[in-house]
Amino acid sequence: MLEHIPEGLGEAMRDIRPGLERLVWADPALVDVPDTIRLTSSAFQDGAPLPVRFTDDGPGVSPPLAWDAIPDTAAELLLIVEDADPPLLSPLVHAIVHRLTPAAGFLTEGGMSVDDPGIHIGRNSYLRTGWLAPDPPKGHGPHRYVFQLYALGAPSELGEHPGRSAVRDVVEALAIARGRLIGTYERT
């Protein structure tokens, strides 16, 4: 949807960004949650560009993720992916995945799909379930896509397709550890 913004308008809005401080990660209630989970991807390094295949300029599949250093007391994991840099007041949610089994250790490429019966998917910012492929406006500069993984000390009991506010409430109440991975993407 943002890819339809004309390049000149994207350039004019270059300084309009919510930033990292508006992410769920930056919630003041989470300041004491230890950042001990190691979240990685075999497709990109932390802070590096996302390969085109994970964006709206390619097939738009979700990237593979792996995690370790999960606390033994974790009941489940919750993943939220947010764009910290859309030309809006708030971050855009690209994916919510909940009820992840801590022992699984990974999500495969395309694993944030609604077609997988073992994955519980929330609503992205376009109110659809599944992975919302990055599609920043031309001229707006690089966008940071922040993959945030939370270990929860008790089952979340989230509904079938939760949104960002429900996720934020659960993370504030139940998070016992967290980890993050940032991928970037820019349309030129």
N, C-alpha and C. Protein backbone atom coordinates (compact mmCIF):
# COMPACT_ATOMS: atom_id res chain seq x y z
N MET A 1 0.82 -1.19 0.00
CA MET A 1 0.00 0.00 0.00
C MET A 1 0.86 1.26 0.00
N LEU A 2 1.92 1.29 0.82
CA LEU A 2 2.79 2.46 0.87
C LEU A 2 3.62 2.61 -0.40
N GLU A 3 3.77 1.51 -1.15
CA GLU A 3 4.54 1.58 -2.38
C GLU A 3 3.88 2.45 -3.43
N HIS A 4 2.60 2.77 -3.25
CA HIS A 4 1.87 3.60 -4.21
C HIS A 4 2.05 5.09 -3.98
N ILE A 5 2.71 5.45 -2.89
CA ILE A 5 2.98 6.87 -2.63
C ILE A 5 4.02 7.34 -3.64
N PRO A 6 3.76 8.43 -4.35
CA PRO A 6 4.74 8.92 -5.34
C PRO A 6 6.09 9.23 -4.68
N GLU A 7 7.16 9.03 -5.44
CA GLU A 7 8.51 9.20 -4.91
C GLU A 7 8.73 10.59 -4.32
N GLY A 8 8.22 11.63 -5.00
CA GLY A 8 8.39 12.99 -4.49
C GLY A 8 7.73 13.18 -3.14
N LEU A 9 6.57 12.57 -2.96
CA LEU A 9 5.88 12.65 -1.67
C LEU A 9 6.64 11.85 -0.61
N GLY A 10 7.20 10.69 -1.02
CA GLY A 10 8.03 9.90 -0.11
C GLY A 10 9.22 10.71 0.38
N GLU A 11 9.86 11.44 -0.53
CA GLU A 11 11.00 12.29 -0.15
C GLU A 11 10.56 13.42 0.78
N ALA A 12 9.39 14.02 0.50
CA ALA A 12 8.89 15.12 1.34
C ALA A 12 8.57 14.65 2.76
N MET A 13 8.19 13.38 2.89
CA MET A 13 7.82 12.82 4.21
C MET A 13 8.98 12.07 4.86
N ARG A 14 10.17 12.24 4.34
CA ARG A 14 11.33 11.48 4.81
C ARG A 14 11.56 11.58 6.32
N ASP A 15 11.27 12.73 6.91
CA ASP A 15 11.49 12.91 8.35
C ASP A 15 10.30 12.51 9.21
N ILE A 16 9.21 12.07 8.59
CA ILE A 16 8.05 11.62 9.35
C ILE A 16 8.21 10.12 9.60
N ARG A 17 8.53 9.78 10.85
CA ARG A 17 8.77 8.40 11.26
C ARG A 17 8.48 8.29 12.76
N PRO A 18 7.81 7.23 13.18
CA PRO A 18 7.60 7.07 14.63
C PRO A 18 8.89 6.75 15.37
N GLY A 19 9.79 5.96 14.76
CA GLY A 19 11.07 5.62 15.38
C GLY A 19 11.00 4.43 16.30
N LEU A 20 12.17 3.99 16.72
CA LEU A 20 12.28 2.82 17.60
C LEU A 20 11.59 3.03 18.94
N GLU A 21 11.52 4.29 19.39
CA GLU A 21 10.93 4.57 20.71
C GLU A 21 9.41 4.38 20.74
N ARG A 22 8.77 4.12 19.61
CA ARG A 22 7.32 3.88 19.59
C ARG A 22 6.97 2.39 19.44
N LEU A 23 7.98 1.54 19.34
CA LEU A 23 7.75 0.11 19.21
C LEU A 23 7.24 -0.48 20.52
N VAL A 24 6.62 -1.66 20.44
CA VAL A 24 6.27 -2.39 21.66
C VAL A 24 7.52 -2.57 22.51
N TRP A 25 8.65 -2.86 21.89
CA TRP A 25 9.93 -3.07 22.57
C TRP A 25 10.27 -1.94 23.54
N ALA A 26 9.93 -0.71 23.16
CA ALA A 26 10.31 0.47 23.94
C ALA A 26 9.32 0.83 25.03
N ASP A 27 8.30 0.05 25.23
CA ASP A 27 7.30 0.32 26.26
C ASP A 27 8.01 0.43 27.62
N PRO A 28 7.80 1.52 28.37
CA PRO A 28 8.46 1.68 29.68
C PRO A 28 8.18 0.52 30.64
N ALA A 29 7.05 -0.15 30.49
CA ALA A 29 6.73 -1.27 31.37
C ALA A 29 7.64 -2.47 31.13
N LEU A 30 8.39 -2.46 30.03
CA LEU A 30 9.25 -3.60 29.69
C LEU A 30 10.73 -3.34 29.99
N VAL A 31 11.03 -2.22 30.61
CA VAL A 31 12.42 -1.84 30.85
C VAL A 31 13.19 -2.88 31.67
N ASP A 32 12.52 -3.59 32.54
CA ASP A 32 13.20 -4.58 33.39
C ASP A 32 13.17 -6.00 32.81
N VAL A 33 12.55 -6.18 31.64
CA VAL A 33 12.52 -7.51 31.02
C VAL A 33 13.89 -7.74 30.37
N PRO A 34 14.61 -8.79 30.78
CA PRO A 34 15.96 -8.99 30.25
C PRO A 34 15.99 -9.30 28.75
N ASP A 35 16.94 -8.71 28.09
CA ASP A 35 17.17 -8.90 26.66
C ASP A 35 18.16 -10.05 26.49
N THR A 36 17.71 -11.27 26.76
CA THR A 36 18.61 -12.42 26.78
C THR A 36 18.35 -13.44 25.67
N ILE A 37 17.24 -13.31 24.95
CA ILE A 37 16.95 -14.24 23.87
C ILE A 37 17.79 -13.86 22.66
N ARG A 38 18.40 -14.85 22.04
CA ARG A 38 19.16 -14.61 20.82
C ARG A 38 18.27 -14.96 19.64
N LEU A 39 17.88 -13.93 18.87
CA LEU A 39 17.03 -14.09 17.70
C LEU A 39 17.88 -13.83 16.46
N THR A 40 17.89 -14.78 15.52
CA THR A 40 18.72 -14.68 14.33
C THR A 40 17.93 -15.11 13.10
N SER A 41 18.52 -14.86 11.94
CA SER A 41 17.97 -15.35 10.68
C SER A 41 19.12 -15.81 9.80
N SER A 42 18.92 -16.91 9.10
CA SER A 42 19.93 -17.38 8.16
C SER A 42 19.90 -16.56 6.88
N ALA A 43 18.91 -15.67 6.73
CA ALA A 43 18.75 -14.89 5.50
C ALA A 43 19.37 -13.50 5.57
N PHE A 44 19.58 -12.96 6.78
CA PHE A 44 20.15 -11.62 6.92
C PHE A 44 20.74 -11.47 8.32
N GLN A 45 21.69 -10.57 8.44
CA GLN A 45 22.33 -10.27 9.72
C GLN A 45 21.58 -9.11 10.40
N ASP A 46 21.73 -9.00 11.71
CA ASP A 46 21.11 -7.91 12.45
C ASP A 46 21.59 -6.56 11.89
N GLY A 47 20.65 -5.71 11.54
CA GLY A 47 20.96 -4.38 11.01
C GLY A 47 21.20 -4.35 9.51
N ALA A 48 21.20 -5.50 8.86
CA ALA A 48 21.48 -5.59 7.42
C ALA A 48 20.17 -5.56 6.61
N PRO A 49 20.29 -5.29 5.30
CA PRO A 49 19.10 -5.28 4.45
C PRO A 49 18.44 -6.66 4.35
N LEU A 50 17.11 -6.63 4.29
CA LEU A 50 16.35 -7.84 4.02
C LEU A 50 16.49 -8.19 2.55
N PRO A 51 16.70 -9.46 2.21
CA PRO A 51 16.69 -9.84 0.81
C PRO A 51 15.33 -9.53 0.18
N VAL A 52 15.33 -9.19 -1.09
CA VAL A 52 14.13 -8.77 -1.81
C VAL A 52 13.02 -9.82 -1.72
N ARG A 53 13.36 -11.09 -1.64
CA ARG A 53 12.32 -12.13 -1.63
C ARG A 53 11.36 -12.01 -0.44
N PHE A 54 11.77 -11.28 0.61
CA PHE A 54 10.90 -11.12 1.77
C PHE A 54 10.08 -9.84 1.72
N THR A 55 10.16 -9.10 0.62
CA THR A 55 9.49 -7.81 0.49
C THR A 55 8.41 -7.86 -0.58
N ASP A 56 7.70 -6.77 -0.70
CA ASP A 56 6.65 -6.66 -1.71
C ASP A 56 7.23 -6.56 -3.12
N ASP A 57 8.52 -6.33 -3.23
CA ASP A 57 9.17 -6.30 -4.54
C ASP A 57 9.59 -7.68 -5.00
N GLY A 58 9.42 -8.66 -4.17
CA GLY A 58 9.70 -10.07 -4.49
C GLY A 58 8.46 -10.89 -4.17
N PRO A 59 8.64 -12.18 -3.92
CA PRO A 59 7.49 -13.02 -3.58
C PRO A 59 6.80 -12.62 -2.27
N GLY A 60 7.53 -11.93 -1.39
CA GLY A 60 6.92 -11.44 -0.15
C GLY A 60 6.71 -12.48 0.92
N VAL A 61 7.53 -13.53 0.93
CA VAL A 61 7.42 -14.54 1.98
C VAL A 61 8.11 -14.02 3.24
N SER A 62 7.74 -14.56 4.38
CA SER A 62 8.38 -14.16 5.63
C SER A 62 9.74 -14.84 5.75
N PRO A 63 10.69 -14.16 6.40
CA PRO A 63 12.04 -14.74 6.52
C PRO A 63 12.10 -15.84 7.57
N PRO A 64 13.10 -16.73 7.43
CA PRO A 64 13.30 -17.74 8.47
C PRO A 64 13.89 -17.09 9.72
N LEU A 65 13.49 -17.58 10.87
CA LEU A 65 14.01 -17.08 12.15
C LEU A 65 14.42 -18.26 13.02
N ALA A 66 15.40 -18.03 13.87
CA ALA A 66 15.81 -19.04 14.85
C ALA A 66 16.06 -18.33 16.17
N TRP A 67 15.85 -19.07 17.27
CA TRP A 67 16.07 -18.48 18.59
C TRP A 67 16.67 -19.50 19.53
N ASP A 68 17.37 -18.96 20.51
CA ASP A 68 17.87 -19.79 21.61
C ASP A 68 18.00 -18.91 22.85
N ALA A 69 18.48 -19.51 23.93
CA ALA A 69 18.57 -18.85 25.24
C ALA A 69 17.20 -18.46 25.77
N ILE A 70 16.24 -19.35 25.58
CA ILE A 70 14.89 -19.15 26.10
C ILE A 70 14.88 -19.64 27.55
N PRO A 71 14.31 -18.86 28.47
CA PRO A 71 14.25 -19.33 29.87
C PRO A 71 13.48 -20.64 29.99
N ASP A 72 13.93 -21.50 30.87
CA ASP A 72 13.26 -22.79 31.09
C ASP A 72 11.82 -22.62 31.55
N THR A 73 11.51 -21.50 32.16
CA THR A 73 10.17 -21.27 32.69
C THR A 73 9.20 -20.68 31.65
N ALA A 74 9.65 -20.51 30.41
CA ALA A 74 8.78 -19.93 29.38
C ALA A 74 7.65 -20.88 29.03
N ALA A 75 6.43 -20.37 29.07
CA ALA A 75 5.25 -21.16 28.69
C ALA A 75 4.99 -21.11 27.19
N GLU A 76 5.31 -19.98 26.59
CA GLU A 76 5.14 -19.81 25.14
C GLU A 76 5.94 -18.60 24.70
N LEU A 77 6.07 -18.47 23.39
CA LEU A 77 6.74 -17.32 22.79
C LEU A 77 5.75 -16.53 21.96
N LEU A 78 6.02 -15.24 21.85
CA LEU A 78 5.18 -14.34 21.06
C LEU A 78 6.12 -13.47 20.22
N LEU A 79 5.82 -13.37 18.94
CA LEU A 79 6.62 -12.58 18.01
C LEU A 79 5.77 -11.46 17.44
N ILE A 80 6.32 -10.25 17.44
CA ILE A 80 5.69 -9.13 16.75
C ILE A 80 6.76 -8.47 15.89
N VAL A 81 6.41 -8.16 14.65
CA VAL A 81 7.32 -7.51 13.72
C VAL A 81 6.72 -6.15 13.38
N GLU A 82 7.50 -5.08 13.64
CA GLU A 82 7.03 -3.73 13.39
C GLU A 82 8.02 -2.96 12.52
N ASP A 83 7.47 -2.12 11.64
CA ASP A 83 8.27 -1.17 10.87
C ASP A 83 8.34 0.10 11.71
N ALA A 84 9.55 0.48 12.11
CA ALA A 84 9.73 1.67 12.95
C ALA A 84 9.72 2.96 12.15
N ASP A 85 9.66 2.87 10.82
CA ASP A 85 9.89 4.06 10.00
C ASP A 85 8.82 4.41 8.96
N PRO A 86 7.57 3.99 9.09
CA PRO A 86 6.59 4.39 8.08
C PRO A 86 6.30 5.89 8.20
N PRO A 87 5.80 6.51 7.15
CA PRO A 87 5.46 7.94 7.24
C PRO A 87 4.14 8.15 7.97
N LEU A 88 4.09 7.66 9.20
CA LEU A 88 2.89 7.70 10.03
C LEU A 88 3.30 8.07 11.45
N LEU A 89 2.34 8.17 12.34
CA LEU A 89 2.64 8.49 13.74
C LEU A 89 3.00 7.26 14.56
N SER A 90 2.57 6.08 14.11
CA SER A 90 2.81 4.84 14.84
C SER A 90 3.50 3.83 13.94
N PRO A 91 4.21 2.88 14.52
CA PRO A 91 4.81 1.81 13.71
C PRO A 91 3.74 0.99 13.01
N LEU A 92 4.13 0.38 11.90
CA LEU A 92 3.24 -0.56 11.21
C LEU A 92 3.56 -1.97 11.68
N VAL A 93 2.53 -2.74 12.01
CA VAL A 93 2.71 -4.14 12.38
C VAL A 93 2.74 -4.97 11.11
N HIS A 94 3.82 -5.73 10.93
CA HIS A 94 3.95 -6.60 9.76
C HIS A 94 3.59 -8.04 10.07
N ALA A 95 3.66 -8.43 11.33
CA ALA A 95 3.26 -9.79 11.70
C ALA A 95 3.14 -9.91 13.21
N ILE A 96 2.23 -10.77 13.61
CA ILE A 96 2.11 -11.22 14.99
C ILE A 96 1.97 -12.73 14.93
N VAL A 97 2.82 -13.43 15.66
CA VAL A 97 2.72 -14.88 15.76
C VAL A 97 2.74 -15.19 17.25
N HIS A 98 1.74 -15.94 17.70
CA HIS A 98 1.66 -16.24 19.13
C HIS A 98 1.47 -17.73 19.34
N ARG A 99 1.57 -18.13 20.61
CA ARG A 99 1.51 -19.53 21.01
C ARG A 99 2.63 -20.36 20.38
N LEU A 100 3.78 -19.72 20.15
CA LEU A 100 4.93 -20.46 19.64
C LEU A 100 5.50 -21.34 20.75
N THR A 101 5.86 -22.55 20.41
CA THR A 101 6.46 -23.47 21.37
C THR A 101 7.93 -23.09 21.56
N PRO A 102 8.35 -22.81 22.79
CA PRO A 102 9.75 -22.41 23.01
C PRO A 102 10.77 -23.41 22.49
N ALA A 103 10.48 -24.70 22.62
CA ALA A 103 11.44 -25.72 22.23
C ALA A 103 11.60 -25.83 20.72
N ALA A 104 10.67 -25.32 19.94
CA ALA A 104 10.77 -25.45 18.48
C ALA A 104 12.07 -24.84 17.97
N GLY A 105 12.41 -23.65 18.44
CA GLY A 105 13.68 -23.04 18.09
C GLY A 105 13.74 -22.31 16.77
N PHE A 106 12.68 -22.39 15.97
CA PHE A 106 12.75 -21.72 14.67
C PHE A 106 11.38 -21.57 14.02
N LEU A 107 11.31 -20.67 13.05
CA LEU A 107 10.21 -20.56 12.09
C LEU A 107 10.87 -20.67 10.72
N THR A 108 10.33 -21.47 9.85
CA THR A 108 10.89 -21.63 8.52
C THR A 108 10.54 -20.44 7.63
N GLU A 109 11.25 -20.31 6.51
CA GLU A 109 10.90 -19.29 5.53
C GLU A 109 9.44 -19.49 5.12
N GLY A 110 8.66 -18.42 5.14
CA GLY A 110 7.24 -18.51 4.84
C GLY A 110 6.42 -19.00 6.02
N GLY A 111 7.04 -19.19 7.18
CA GLY A 111 6.38 -19.76 8.35
C GLY A 111 5.37 -18.86 9.02
N MET A 112 5.30 -17.60 8.64
CA MET A 112 4.30 -16.70 9.22
C MET A 112 3.06 -16.65 8.33
N SER A 113 2.76 -17.78 7.73
CA SER A 113 1.64 -17.88 6.79
C SER A 113 0.38 -18.37 7.49
N VAL A 114 -0.74 -17.87 7.07
CA VAL A 114 -2.02 -18.33 7.61
C VAL A 114 -2.35 -19.73 7.10
N ASP A 115 -1.59 -20.23 6.14
CA ASP A 115 -1.85 -21.55 5.58
C ASP A 115 -1.29 -22.68 6.45
N ASP A 116 -0.51 -22.35 7.45
CA ASP A 116 0.11 -23.35 8.32
C ASP A 116 -0.77 -23.54 9.55
N PRO A 117 -1.40 -24.71 9.71
CA PRO A 117 -2.32 -24.91 10.83
C PRO A 117 -1.65 -24.90 12.20
N GLY A 118 -0.33 -25.08 12.28
CA GLY A 118 0.34 -25.09 13.57
C GLY A 118 0.80 -23.72 14.04
N ILE A 119 0.56 -22.70 13.24
CA ILE A 119 1.00 -21.34 13.57
C ILE A 119 -0.23 -20.49 13.87
N HIS A 120 -0.18 -19.75 14.96
CA HIS A 120 -1.28 -18.87 15.35
C HIS A 120 -0.88 -17.44 14.98
N ILE A 121 -1.62 -16.86 14.06
CA ILE A 121 -1.27 -15.57 13.48
C ILE A 121 -2.23 -14.48 13.94
N GLY A 122 -1.67 -13.33 14.29
CA GLY A 122 -2.48 -12.18 14.64
C GLY A 122 -2.70 -11.28 13.43
N ARG A 123 -3.28 -10.11 13.68
CA ARG A 123 -3.59 -9.16 12.61
C ARG A 123 -2.45 -8.16 12.44
N ASN A 124 -2.11 -7.90 11.19
CA ASN A 124 -1.13 -6.86 10.90
C ASN A 124 -1.85 -5.51 10.85
N SER A 125 -1.14 -4.46 10.53
CA SER A 125 -1.75 -3.11 10.53
C SER A 125 -2.81 -2.93 9.45
N TYR A 126 -2.84 -3.81 8.47
CA TYR A 126 -3.89 -3.73 7.44
C TYR A 126 -5.08 -4.61 7.81
N LEU A 127 -5.09 -5.08 9.07
CA LEU A 127 -6.17 -5.89 9.65
C LEU A 127 -6.33 -7.23 8.95
N ARG A 128 -5.24 -7.71 8.37
CA ARG A 128 -5.22 -9.04 7.75
C ARG A 128 -4.32 -9.94 8.58
N THR A 129 -4.57 -11.23 8.50
CA THR A 129 -3.69 -12.17 9.20
C THR A 129 -2.56 -12.56 8.26
N GLY A 130 -1.41 -12.83 8.83
CA GLY A 130 -0.26 -13.25 8.03
C GLY A 130 0.79 -12.17 7.92
N TRP A 131 1.85 -12.50 7.23
CA TRP A 131 3.01 -11.63 7.01
C TRP A 131 2.64 -10.53 6.03
N LEU A 132 2.89 -9.30 6.42
CA LEU A 132 2.72 -8.14 5.56
C LEU A 132 4.12 -7.79 5.05
N ALA A 133 4.38 -8.08 3.80
CA ALA A 133 5.71 -7.87 3.23
C ALA A 133 6.07 -6.39 3.23
N PRO A 134 7.31 -6.03 3.56
CA PRO A 134 7.74 -4.63 3.54
C PRO A 134 7.51 -3.98 2.18
N ASP A 135 6.96 -2.77 2.22
CA ASP A 135 6.68 -2.03 0.99
C ASP A 135 6.83 -0.52 1.21
N PRO A 136 8.02 -0.07 1.63
CA PRO A 136 8.18 1.36 1.94
C PRO A 136 8.05 2.23 0.69
N PRO A 137 7.64 3.48 0.87
CA PRO A 137 7.53 4.38 -0.29
C PRO A 137 8.91 4.72 -0.86
N LYS A 138 8.97 4.85 -2.17
CA LYS A 138 10.20 5.32 -2.81
C LYS A 138 10.53 6.71 -2.30
N GLY A 139 11.82 6.94 -2.07
CA GLY A 139 12.27 8.26 -1.64
C GLY A 139 12.19 8.49 -0.14
N HIS A 140 11.59 7.58 0.61
CA HIS A 140 11.42 7.77 2.04
C HIS A 140 12.65 7.36 2.84
N GLY A 141 13.57 6.67 2.21
CA GLY A 141 14.77 6.22 2.90
C GLY A 141 14.62 4.83 3.47
N PRO A 142 15.63 4.35 4.17
CA PRO A 142 15.59 2.99 4.72
C PRO A 142 14.59 2.87 5.87
N HIS A 143 13.94 1.74 5.90
CA HIS A 143 13.01 1.41 6.99
C HIS A 143 13.62 0.28 7.80
N ARG A 144 13.39 0.32 9.12
CA ARG A 144 13.86 -0.74 10.02
C ARG A 144 12.68 -1.63 10.41
N TYR A 145 12.82 -2.91 10.10
CA TYR A 145 11.81 -3.91 10.42
C TYR A 145 12.32 -4.67 11.64
N VAL A 146 11.62 -4.50 12.77
CA VAL A 146 12.12 -4.99 14.05
C VAL A 146 11.32 -6.24 14.45
N PHE A 147 12.02 -7.37 14.45
CA PHE A 147 11.47 -8.66 14.85
C PHE A 147 11.69 -8.77 16.36
N GLN A 148 10.62 -8.78 17.13
CA GLN A 148 10.69 -8.77 18.59
C GLN A 148 10.09 -10.07 19.12
N LEU A 149 10.89 -10.85 19.81
CA LEU A 149 10.44 -12.13 20.34
C LEU A 149 10.40 -12.05 21.86
N TYR A 150 9.27 -12.45 22.44
CA TYR A 150 9.07 -12.39 23.88
C TYR A 150 8.79 -13.79 24.42
N ALA A 151 9.47 -14.15 25.50
CA ALA A 151 9.16 -15.36 26.24
C ALA A 151 8.15 -14.97 27.32
N LEU A 152 7.06 -15.72 27.38
CA LEU A 152 6.00 -15.43 28.35
C LEU A 152 6.04 -16.48 29.46
N GLY A 153 5.88 -16.02 30.70
CA GLY A 153 5.95 -16.91 31.85
C GLY A 153 4.68 -17.71 32.10
N ALA A 154 3.60 -17.39 31.37
CA ALA A 154 2.33 -18.11 31.48
C ALA A 154 1.67 -18.05 30.10
N PRO A 155 0.75 -18.96 29.82
CA PRO A 155 0.05 -18.91 28.53
C PRO A 155 -0.66 -17.57 28.35
N SER A 156 -0.60 -17.05 27.14
CA SER A 156 -1.15 -15.71 26.89
C SER A 156 -2.67 -15.68 26.82
N GLU A 157 -3.27 -16.75 26.40
CA GLU A 157 -4.73 -16.82 26.23
C GLU A 157 -5.24 -15.71 25.32
N LEU A 158 -4.40 -15.32 24.35
CA LEU A 158 -4.85 -14.35 23.34
C LEU A 158 -5.91 -14.99 22.47
N GLY A 159 -6.79 -14.17 21.93
CA GLY A 159 -7.79 -14.66 20.99
C GLY A 159 -7.15 -15.18 19.73
N GLU A 160 -7.95 -15.61 18.80
CA GLU A 160 -7.46 -16.25 17.58
C GLU A 160 -6.57 -15.33 16.74
N HIS A 161 -6.97 -14.08 16.54
CA HIS A 161 -6.21 -13.17 15.68
C HIS A 161 -6.00 -11.83 16.39
N PRO A 162 -5.13 -11.79 17.41
CA PRO A 162 -4.95 -10.56 18.19
C PRO A 162 -4.26 -9.46 17.39
N GLY A 163 -4.51 -8.24 17.81
CA GLY A 163 -3.85 -7.07 17.24
C GLY A 163 -2.77 -6.55 18.17
N ARG A 164 -2.18 -5.43 17.79
CA ARG A 164 -1.05 -4.87 18.51
C ARG A 164 -1.37 -4.53 19.97
N SER A 165 -2.52 -3.93 20.25
CA SER A 165 -2.81 -3.51 21.62
C SER A 165 -2.97 -4.72 22.54
N ALA A 166 -3.59 -5.80 22.06
CA ALA A 166 -3.71 -7.02 22.87
C ALA A 166 -2.34 -7.63 23.13
N VAL A 167 -1.49 -7.62 22.11
CA VAL A 167 -0.13 -8.15 22.26
C VAL A 167 0.65 -7.32 23.28
N ARG A 168 0.54 -6.01 23.17
CA ARG A 168 1.25 -5.13 24.11
C ARG A 168 0.82 -5.41 25.55
N ASP A 169 -0.48 -5.56 25.78
CA ASP A 169 -0.99 -5.85 27.13
C ASP A 169 -0.43 -7.16 27.67
N VAL A 170 -0.42 -8.20 26.83
CA VAL A 170 0.08 -9.51 27.25
C VAL A 170 1.57 -9.45 27.55
N VAL A 171 2.32 -8.79 26.68
CA VAL A 171 3.77 -8.69 26.88
C VAL A 171 4.07 -7.93 28.17
N GLU A 172 3.35 -6.85 28.41
CA GLU A 172 3.56 -6.09 29.66
C GLU A 172 3.30 -6.96 30.88
N ALA A 173 2.28 -7.81 30.81
CA ALA A 173 1.90 -8.63 31.97
C ALA A 173 2.73 -9.90 32.13
N LEU A 174 3.20 -10.51 31.03
CA LEU A 174 3.75 -11.85 31.12
C LEU A 174 5.18 -12.04 30.64
N ALA A 175 5.79 -11.04 30.02
CA ALA A 175 7.13 -11.24 29.45
C ALA A 175 8.17 -11.47 30.54
N ILE A 176 9.00 -12.51 30.33
CA ILE A 176 10.08 -12.80 31.26
C ILE A 176 11.46 -12.67 30.59
N ALA A 177 11.47 -12.60 29.27
CA ALA A 177 12.72 -12.39 28.51
C ALA A 177 12.33 -11.94 27.11
N ARG A 178 13.31 -11.34 26.42
CA ARG A 178 13.03 -10.87 25.07
C ARG A 178 14.32 -10.84 24.26
N GLY A 179 14.12 -10.77 22.95
CA GLY A 179 15.23 -10.62 22.02
C GLY A 179 14.71 -9.97 20.76
N ARG A 180 15.63 -9.35 19.99
CA ARG A 180 15.16 -8.71 18.76
C ARG A 180 16.21 -8.82 17.67
N LEU A 181 15.73 -8.63 16.45
CA LEU A 181 16.53 -8.69 15.25
C LEU A 181 15.98 -7.62 14.32
N ILE A 182 16.87 -6.82 13.73
CA ILE A 182 16.42 -5.74 12.84
C ILE A 182 16.93 -6.00 11.43
N GLY A 183 16.00 -5.95 10.48
CA GLY A 183 16.33 -5.98 9.06
C GLY A 183 15.89 -4.69 8.44
N THR A 184 16.60 -4.21 7.44
CA THR A 184 16.25 -2.94 6.80
C THR A 184 15.81 -3.18 5.36
N TYR A 185 15.09 -2.20 4.82
CA TYR A 185 14.73 -2.25 3.40
C TYR A 185 14.45 -0.83 2.93
N GLU A 186 14.91 -0.53 1.73
CA GLU A 186 14.70 0.79 1.13
C GLU A 186 14.39 0.60 -0.34
N ARG A 187 13.38 1.30 -0.81
CA ARG A 187 13.09 1.33 -2.24
C ARG A 187 13.83 2.50 -2.84
N THR A 188 14.58 2.23 -3.90
CA THR A 188 15.32 3.31 -4.56
C THR A 188 14.84 3.49 -5.98
